[in-house]
Amino acid sequence: MDFKELKALICEEFGYDSDDIRPETLLMEIVSDEYEVQELLAGIGEAIGAELEIEPGEDWTLGNLADAISEAL
């Protein structure tokens, strides 16, 4: 999954403004806690039909997340 696909999915599924979703955006800027990170990952996994076994760190960007999803698929 490239960043463009991730951005579209996050905006569509979770209602974020596309201007707020950039590769350098920290994951923790769009979610408030670890529970929401897991909800986001579960929602992305459901949307793409794959279970994601990813443990993002607090300093992860959305670009890092897109790369990790690509590696996991």
PDB file of N, CA and C in Angstrom:
ATOM      1  N   MET A   1       0.864  -1.175   0.000  1.00  0.00           N
ATOM      2  CA  MET A   1       0.000   0.000   0.000  1.00  0.00           C
ATOM      3  C   MET A   1       0.900   1.223   0.000  1.00  0.00           C
ATOM      4  N   ASP A   2       0.710   2.075  -0.991  1.00  0.00           N
ATOM      5  CA  ASP A   2       1.513   3.292  -1.000  1.00  0.00           C
ATOM      6  C   ASP A   2       0.801   4.372  -0.181  1.00  0.00           C
ATOM      7  N   PHE A   3       1.507   5.478   0.051  1.00  0.00           N
ATOM      8  CA  PHE A   3       0.956   6.524   0.901  1.00  0.00           C
ATOM      9  C   PHE A   3      -0.336   7.097   0.341  1.00  0.00           C
ATOM     10  N   LYS A   4      -0.408   7.259  -0.960  1.00  0.00           N
ATOM     11  CA  LYS A   4      -1.599   7.823  -1.592  1.00  0.00           C
ATOM     12  C   LYS A   4      -2.839   6.962  -1.286  1.00  0.00           C
ATOM     13  N   GLU A   5      -2.673   5.647  -1.353  1.00  0.00           N
ATOM     14  CA  GLU A   5      -3.771   4.728  -1.034  1.00  0.00           C
ATOM     15  C   GLU A   5      -4.148   4.819   0.440  1.00  0.00           C
ATOM     16  N   LEU A   6      -3.132   4.880   1.310  1.00  0.00           N
ATOM     17  CA  LEU A   6      -3.391   4.990   2.745  1.00  0.00           C
ATOM     18  C   LEU A   6      -4.130   6.281   3.054  1.00  0.00           C
ATOM     19  N   LYS A   7      -3.696   7.370   2.454  1.00  0.00           N
ATOM     20  CA  LYS A   7      -4.341   8.662   2.683  1.00  0.00           C
ATOM     21  C   LYS A   7      -5.812   8.615   2.281  1.00  0.00           C
ATOM     22  N   ALA A   8      -6.087   8.081   1.107  1.00  0.00           N
ATOM     23  CA  ALA A   8      -7.473   7.984   0.636  1.00  0.00           C
ATOM     24  C   ALA A   8      -8.310   7.139   1.592  1.00  0.00           C
ATOM     25  N   LEU A   9      -7.754   6.042   2.054  1.00  0.00           N
ATOM     26  CA  LEU A   9      -8.464   5.157   2.971  1.00  0.00           C
ATOM     27  C   LEU A   9      -8.738   5.836   4.308  1.00  0.00           C
ATOM     28  N   ILE A  10      -7.734   6.502   4.861  1.00  0.00           N
ATOM     29  CA  ILE A  10      -7.911   7.189   6.146  1.00  0.00           C
ATOM     30  C   ILE A  10      -8.981   8.277   6.027  1.00  0.00           C
ATOM     31  N   CYS A  11      -8.934   9.026   4.950  1.00  0.00           N
ATOM     32  CA  CYS A  11      -9.920  10.107   4.761  1.00  0.00           C
ATOM     33  C   CYS A  11     -11.325   9.546   4.566  1.00  0.00           C
ATOM     34  N   GLU A  12     -11.430   8.508   3.750  1.00  0.00           N
ATOM     35  CA  GLU A  12     -12.740   7.932   3.441  1.00  0.00           C
ATOM     36  C   GLU A  12     -13.340   7.193   4.633  1.00  0.00           C
ATOM     37  N   GLU A  13     -12.550   6.333   5.245  1.00  0.00           N
ATOM     38  CA  GLU A  13     -13.065   5.473   6.309  1.00  0.00           C
ATOM     39  C   GLU A  13     -13.189   6.173   7.661  1.00  0.00           C
ATOM     40  N   PHE A  14     -12.327   7.148   7.912  1.00  0.00           N
ATOM     41  CA  PHE A  14     -12.273   7.733   9.243  1.00  0.00           C
ATOM     42  C   PHE A  14     -12.608   9.216   9.273  1.00  0.00           C
ATOM     43  N   GLY A  15     -12.878   9.795   8.103  1.00  0.00           N
ATOM     44  CA  GLY A  15     -13.363  11.164   8.038  1.00  0.00           C
ATOM     45  C   GLY A  15     -12.338  12.254   8.295  1.00  0.00           C
ATOM     46  N   TYR A  16     -11.056  11.942   8.136  1.00  0.00           N
ATOM     47  CA  TYR A  16     -10.042  12.970   8.324  1.00  0.00           C
ATOM     48  C   TYR A  16      -9.977  13.869   7.095  1.00  0.00           C
ATOM     49  N   ASP A  17      -9.602  15.116   7.302  1.00  0.00           N
ATOM     50  CA  ASP A  17      -9.417  16.072   6.220  1.00  0.00           C
ATOM     51  C   ASP A  17      -8.131  15.714   5.482  1.00  0.00           C
ATOM     52  N   SER A  18      -8.194  15.646   4.159  1.00  0.00           N
ATOM     53  CA  SER A  18      -7.019  15.230   3.383  1.00  0.00           C
ATOM     54  C   SER A  18      -5.844  16.189   3.552  1.00  0.00           C
ATOM     55  N   ASP A  19      -6.096  17.451   3.899  1.00  0.00           N
ATOM     56  CA  ASP A  19      -5.007  18.403   4.131  1.00  0.00           C
ATOM     57  C   ASP A  19      -4.198  18.050   5.378  1.00  0.00           C
ATOM     58  N   ASP A  20      -4.802  17.292   6.297  1.00  0.00           N
ATOM     59  CA  ASP A  20      -4.123  16.900   7.536  1.00  0.00           C
ATOM     60  C   ASP A  20      -3.310  15.618   7.381  1.00  0.00           C
ATOM     61  N   ILE A  21      -3.472  14.929   6.262  1.00  0.00           N
ATOM     62  CA  ILE A  21      -2.838  13.631   6.070  1.00  0.00           C
ATOM     63  C   ILE A  21      -1.677  13.785   5.082  1.00  0.00           C
ATOM     64  N   ARG A  22      -0.465  13.840   5.648  1.00  0.00           N
ATOM     65  CA  ARG A  22       0.754  13.975   4.857  1.00  0.00           C
ATOM     66  C   ARG A  22       1.734  12.893   5.312  1.00  0.00           C
ATOM     67  N   PRO A  23       2.703  12.525   4.478  1.00  0.00           N
ATOM     68  CA  PRO A  23       3.642  11.478   4.884  1.00  0.00           C
ATOM     69  C   PRO A  23       4.375  11.803   6.184  1.00  0.00           C
ATOM     70  N   GLU A  24       4.640  13.080   6.429  1.00  0.00           N
ATOM     71  CA  GLU A  24       5.385  13.464   7.638  1.00  0.00           C
ATOM     72  C   GLU A  24       4.500  13.667   8.868  1.00  0.00           C
ATOM     73  N   THR A  25       3.181  13.545   8.700  1.00  0.00           N
ATOM     74  CA  THR A  25       2.262  13.674   9.832  1.00  0.00           C
ATOM     75  C   THR A  25       2.497  12.529  10.811  1.00  0.00           C
ATOM     76  N   LEU A  26       2.689  12.873  12.065  1.00  0.00           N
ATOM     77  CA  LEU A  26       2.852  11.833  13.090  1.00  0.00           C
ATOM     78  C   LEU A  26       1.533  11.109  13.288  1.00  0.00           C
ATOM     79  N   LEU A  27       1.609   9.807  13.412  1.00  0.00           N
ATOM     80  CA  LEU A  27       0.427   8.988  13.652  1.00  0.00           C
ATOM     81  C   LEU A  27      -0.341   9.489  14.872  1.00  0.00           C
ATOM     82  N   MET A  28       0.392   9.882  15.914  1.00  0.00           N
ATOM     83  CA  MET A  28      -0.255  10.327  17.145  1.00  0.00           C
ATOM     84  C   MET A  28      -0.907  11.706  17.010  1.00  0.00           C
ATOM     85  N   GLU A  29      -0.719  12.372  15.867  1.00  0.00           N
ATOM     86  CA  GLU A  29      -1.422  13.628  15.617  1.00  0.00           C
ATOM     87  C   GLU A  29      -2.850  13.391  15.150  1.00  0.00           C
ATOM     88  N   ILE A  30      -3.121  12.205  14.606  1.00  0.00           N
ATOM     89  CA  ILE A  30      -4.477  11.942  14.120  1.00  0.00           C
ATOM     90  C   ILE A  30      -5.255  10.995  15.026  1.00  0.00           C
ATOM     91  N   VAL A  31      -4.565  10.359  15.956  1.00  0.00           N
ATOM     92  CA  VAL A  31      -5.235   9.530  16.963  1.00  0.00           C
ATOM     93  C   VAL A  31      -4.782   9.997  18.338  1.00  0.00           C
ATOM     94  N   SER A  32      -5.575   9.723  19.347  1.00  0.00           N
ATOM     95  CA  SER A  32      -5.245  10.266  20.664  1.00  0.00           C
ATOM     96  C   SER A  32      -4.551   9.279  21.603  1.00  0.00           C
ATOM     97  N   ASP A  33      -4.674   7.973  21.335  1.00  0.00           N
ATOM     98  CA  ASP A  33      -4.051   7.008  22.231  1.00  0.00           C
ATOM     99  C   ASP A  33      -3.834   5.677  21.515  1.00  0.00           C
ATOM    100  N   GLU A  34      -3.225   4.744  22.223  1.00  0.00           N
ATOM    101  CA  GLU A  34      -2.905   3.433  21.668  1.00  0.00           C
ATOM    102  C   GLU A  34      -4.163   2.676  21.233  1.00  0.00           C
ATOM    103  N   TYR A  35      -5.243   2.842  21.952  1.00  0.00           N
ATOM    104  CA  TYR A  35      -6.495   2.187  21.581  1.00  0.00           C
ATOM    105  C   TYR A  35      -6.949   2.658  20.197  1.00  0.00           C
ATOM    106  N   GLU A  36      -6.880   3.947  19.942  1.00  0.00           N
ATOM    107  CA  GLU A  36      -7.279   4.471  18.635  1.00  0.00           C
ATOM    108  C   GLU A  36      -6.319   4.032  17.534  1.00  0.00           C
ATOM    109  N   VAL A  37      -5.039   3.844  17.869  1.00  0.00           N
ATOM    110  CA  VAL A  37      -4.090   3.309  16.888  1.00  0.00           C
ATOM    111  C   VAL A  37      -4.549   1.917  16.466  1.00  0.00           C
ATOM    112  N   GLN A  38      -4.887   1.101  17.443  1.00  0.00           N
ATOM    113  CA  GLN A  38      -5.338  -0.265  17.138  1.00  0.00           C
ATOM    114  C   GLN A  38      -6.647  -0.265  16.354  1.00  0.00           C
ATOM    115  N   GLU A  39      -7.557   0.644  16.687  1.00  0.00           N
ATOM    116  CA  GLU A  39      -8.807   0.766  15.923  1.00  0.00           C
ATOM    117  C   GLU A  39      -8.516   1.160  14.483  1.00  0.00           C
ATOM    118  N   LEU A  40      -7.598   2.107  14.293  1.00  0.00           N
ATOM    119  CA  LEU A  40      -7.224   2.549  12.960  1.00  0.00           C
ATOM    120  C   LEU A  40      -6.633   1.389  12.166  1.00  0.00           C
ATOM    121  N   LEU A  41      -5.709   0.651  12.770  1.00  0.00           N
ATOM    122  CA  LEU A  41      -5.094  -0.484  12.085  1.00  0.00           C
ATOM    123  C   LEU A  41      -6.111  -1.567  11.763  1.00  0.00           C
ATOM    124  N   ALA A  42      -7.031  -1.821  12.686  1.00  0.00           N
ATOM    125  CA  ALA A  42      -8.066  -2.819  12.431  1.00  0.00           C
ATOM    126  C   ALA A  42      -8.962  -2.372  11.277  1.00  0.00           C
ATOM    127  N   GLY A  43      -9.309  -1.112  11.258  1.00  0.00           N
ATOM    128  CA  GLY A  43     -10.142  -0.590  10.180  1.00  0.00           C
ATOM    129  C   GLY A  43      -9.447  -0.643   8.836  1.00  0.00           C
ATOM    130  N   ILE A  44      -8.164  -0.320   8.816  1.00  0.00           N
ATOM    131  CA  ILE A  44      -7.389  -0.395   7.571  1.00  0.00           C
ATOM    132  C   ILE A  44      -7.301  -1.849   7.123  1.00  0.00           C
ATOM    133  N   GLY A  45      -7.008  -2.740   8.059  1.00  0.00           N
ATOM    134  CA  GLY A  45      -6.927  -4.164   7.737  1.00  0.00           C
ATOM    135  C   GLY A  45      -8.233  -4.691   7.177  1.00  0.00           C
ATOM    136  N   GLU A  46      -9.329  -4.293   7.782  1.00  0.00           N
ATOM    137  CA  GLU A  46     -10.650  -4.722   7.311  1.00  0.00           C
ATOM    138  C   GLU A  46     -10.913  -4.197   5.899  1.00  0.00           C
ATOM    139  N   ALA A  47     -10.551  -2.958   5.670  1.00  0.00           N
ATOM    140  CA  ALA A  47     -10.791  -2.344   4.362  1.00  0.00           C
ATOM    141  C   ALA A  47      -9.976  -3.002   3.250  1.00  0.00           C
ATOM    142  N   ILE A  48      -8.763  -3.476   3.585  1.00  0.00           N
ATOM    143  CA  ILE A  48      -7.928  -4.089   2.554  1.00  0.00           C
ATOM    144  C   ILE A  48      -7.984  -5.616   2.591  1.00  0.00           C
ATOM    145  N   GLY A  49      -8.738  -6.160   3.542  1.00  0.00           N
ATOM    146  CA  GLY A  49      -8.912  -7.605   3.615  1.00  0.00           C
ATOM    147  C   GLY A  49      -7.694  -8.355   4.134  1.00  0.00           C
ATOM    148  N   ALA A  50      -6.976  -7.743   5.062  1.00  0.00           N
ATOM    149  CA  ALA A  50      -5.787  -8.382   5.638  1.00  0.00           C
ATOM    150  C   ALA A  50      -5.670  -7.997   7.107  1.00  0.00           C
ATOM    151  N   GLU A  51      -5.210  -8.951   7.919  1.00  0.00           N
ATOM    152  CA  GLU A  51      -4.951  -8.646   9.324  1.00  0.00           C
ATOM    153  C   GLU A  51      -3.548  -8.071   9.433  1.00  0.00           C
ATOM    154  N   LEU A  52      -3.446  -6.908  10.038  1.00  0.00           N
ATOM    155  CA  LEU A  52      -2.155  -6.235  10.138  1.00  0.00           C
ATOM    156  C   LEU A  52      -1.542  -6.465  11.513  1.00  0.00           C
ATOM    157  N   GLU A  53      -0.362  -7.041  11.525  1.00  0.00           N
ATOM    158  CA  GLU A  53       0.380  -7.305  12.759  1.00  0.00           C
ATOM    159  C   GLU A  53       1.485  -6.251  12.873  1.00  0.00           C
ATOM    160  N   ILE A  54       1.089  -5.005  13.102  1.00  0.00           N
ATOM    161  CA  ILE A  54       2.029  -3.894  13.147  1.00  0.00           C
ATOM    162  C   ILE A  54       1.952  -3.235  14.517  1.00  0.00           C
ATOM    163  N   GLU A  55       3.097  -2.923  15.078  1.00  0.00           N
ATOM    164  CA  GLU A  55       3.178  -2.227  16.363  1.00  0.00           C
ATOM    165  C   GLU A  55       3.882  -0.887  16.148  1.00  0.00           C
ATOM    166  N   PRO A  56       3.145   0.132  15.721  1.00  0.00           N
ATOM    167  CA  PRO A  56       3.799   1.423  15.465  1.00  0.00           C
ATOM    168  C   PRO A  56       4.266   2.097  16.751  1.00  0.00           C
ATOM    169  N   GLY A  57       5.394   2.766  16.644  1.00  0.00           N
ATOM    170  CA  GLY A  57       5.928   3.527  17.766  1.00  0.00           C
ATOM    171  C   GLY A  57       5.316   4.914  17.819  1.00  0.00           C
ATOM    172  N   GLU A  58       5.533   5.615  18.924  1.00  0.00           N
ATOM    173  CA  GLU A  58       4.957   6.948  19.098  1.00  0.00           C
ATOM    174  C   GLU A  58       5.498   7.963  18.098  1.00  0.00           C
ATOM    175  N   ASP A  59       6.697   7.721  17.581  1.00  0.00           N
ATOM    176  CA  ASP A  59       7.300   8.666  16.649  1.00  0.00           C
ATOM    177  C   ASP A  59       7.071   8.303  15.178  1.00  0.00           C
ATOM    178  N   TRP A  60       6.196   7.340  14.932  1.00  0.00           N
ATOM    179  CA  TRP A  60       5.906   6.935  13.560  1.00  0.00           C
ATOM    180  C   TRP A  60       5.137   8.014  12.829  1.00  0.00           C
ATOM    181  N   THR A  61       5.499   8.174  11.559  1.00  0.00           N
ATOM    182  CA  THR A  61       4.735   9.059  10.681  1.00  0.00           C
ATOM    183  C   THR A  61       3.774   8.210   9.859  1.00  0.00           C
ATOM    184  N   LEU A  62       2.873   8.872   9.166  1.00  0.00           N
ATOM    185  CA  LEU A  62       1.967   8.131   8.292  1.00  0.00           C
ATOM    186  C   LEU A  62       2.726   7.505   7.126  1.00  0.00           C
ATOM    187  N   GLY A  63       3.836   8.119   6.734  1.00  0.00           N
ATOM    188  CA  GLY A  63       4.697   7.513   5.720  1.00  0.00           C
ATOM    189  C   GLY A  63       5.294   6.204   6.213  1.00  0.00           C
ATOM    190  N   ASN A  64       5.747   6.181   7.489  1.00  0.00           N
ATOM    191  CA  ASN A  64       6.254   4.943   8.090  1.00  0.00           C
ATOM    192  C   ASN A  64       5.171   3.877   8.118  1.00  0.00           C
ATOM    193  N   LEU A  65       3.949   4.280   8.443  1.00  0.00           N
ATOM    194  CA  LEU A  65       2.841   3.345   8.514  1.00  0.00           C
ATOM    195  C   LEU A  65       2.548   2.754   7.139  1.00  0.00           C
ATOM    196  N   ALA A  66       2.538   3.572   6.108  1.00  0.00           N
ATOM    197  CA  ALA A  66       2.296   3.082   4.743  1.00  0.00           C
ATOM    198  C   ALA A  66       3.371   2.065   4.348  1.00  0.00           C
ATOM    199  N   ASP A  67       4.627   2.362   4.695  1.00  0.00           N
ATOM    200  CA  ASP A  67       5.716   1.432   4.385  1.00  0.00           C
ATOM    201  C   ASP A  67       5.542   0.106   5.128  1.00  0.00           C
ATOM    202  N   ALA A  68       5.172   0.177   6.399  1.00  0.00           N
ATOM    203  CA  ALA A  68       4.989  -1.029   7.204  1.00  0.00           C
ATOM    204  C   ALA A  68       3.833  -1.883   6.673  1.00  0.00           C
ATOM    205  N   ILE A  69       2.766  -1.230   6.239  1.00  0.00           N
ATOM    206  CA  ILE A  69       1.635  -1.969   5.678  1.00  0.00           C
ATOM    207  C   ILE A  69       2.067  -2.675   4.396  1.00  0.00           C
ATOM    208  N   SER A  70       2.823  -1.974   3.550  1.00  0.00           N
ATOM    209  CA  SER A  70       3.317  -2.579   2.311  1.00  0.00           C
ATOM    210  C   SER A  70       4.175  -3.809   2.601  1.00  0.00           C
ATOM    211  N   GLU A  71       5.039  -3.699   3.599  1.00  0.00           N
ATOM    212  CA  GLU A  71       5.897  -4.826   3.967  1.00  0.00           C
ATOM    213  C   GLU A  71       5.099  -5.992   4.540  1.00  0.00           C
ATOM    214  N   ALA A  72       4.011  -5.684   5.242  1.00  0.00           N
ATOM    215  CA  ALA A  72       3.198  -6.727   5.877  1.00  0.00           C
ATOM    216  C   ALA A  72       2.339  -7.484   4.873  1.00  0.00           C
ATOM    217  N   LEU A  73       2.089  -6.877   3.728  1.00  0.00           N
ATOM    218  CA  LEU A  73       1.213  -7.520   2.735  1.00  0.00           C
ATOM    219  C   LEU A  73       1.993  -8.444   1.883  1.00  0.00           C
TER     220      LEU A  73
END
